[in-house]
Amino acid sequence: MIISDGREYPKTYNMTFGTDLQAKRFSMGTDDIEILIYDSSGSDLYTHSLSQFWDQPNLLMIVYDVTSKYTFDAVSEWHKVALAAEWAPISRSPLASLLFANKCDLSSHRIVSEQDGRLLAEKLNMEYFEGSAKENQGIVEAFQWFTQICHENNEKTSTETNVKPSYDLYHKSILRSGSSNNSSPVLI
């Protein structure tokens, strides 16, 4: 898992085994939204056991490596695995889904085109973002999009019930996906 303040890519990267949990806070207007990130391994070895680590998520992000056709081709299967998980009772399915094309800084090694990524995202009914974890490009924008969706959903819920939900009680979770050349995309 990449544990960073978003300004610097770690010099040593530890590949995720199983699932790691990370909490991040984002501001939206006067509200703070805490997102719990379940960073799950993309190794096929963990495919059938990952859902036991996920605690009723609300959001879905799948990341693939634009320099690896293998990770791109595995996105649809990971999407099925994710949708089979037990989602939060509030949404019963992802409140929002995002496909993130990673390693866009390696343009000379790019194999998967932006157009192919966008077409797959549309087919899977996911929002599409591109960027580079290493160069901290597109990451903030992707999480800001999720934060906006959560904020809008809470505003809607507050209006309908006339009660403002507590962000401490109503955590937003993400299945986070990372990838390397030798593994499938991981649910982020």
Foldseek 3Di string as FASTA:
>chain_A
DFDDPLQAGDPDDDADAQWDWDWDWDDDVPDIAIEIETWGHQAPVCLVPNLVVDDQAQEWEWEAEQLAVQQVVCVVVSLVSQQPHQHHPVVSGHLAYEYEHEPVVVVVSGDHDPVNQVVVCVVSVHHYFYDYSRNSPRPVVVVVVVVVSVVVVQVVVCVVVVHRDDSVVVHHYYQCWDDDNPGHTGID
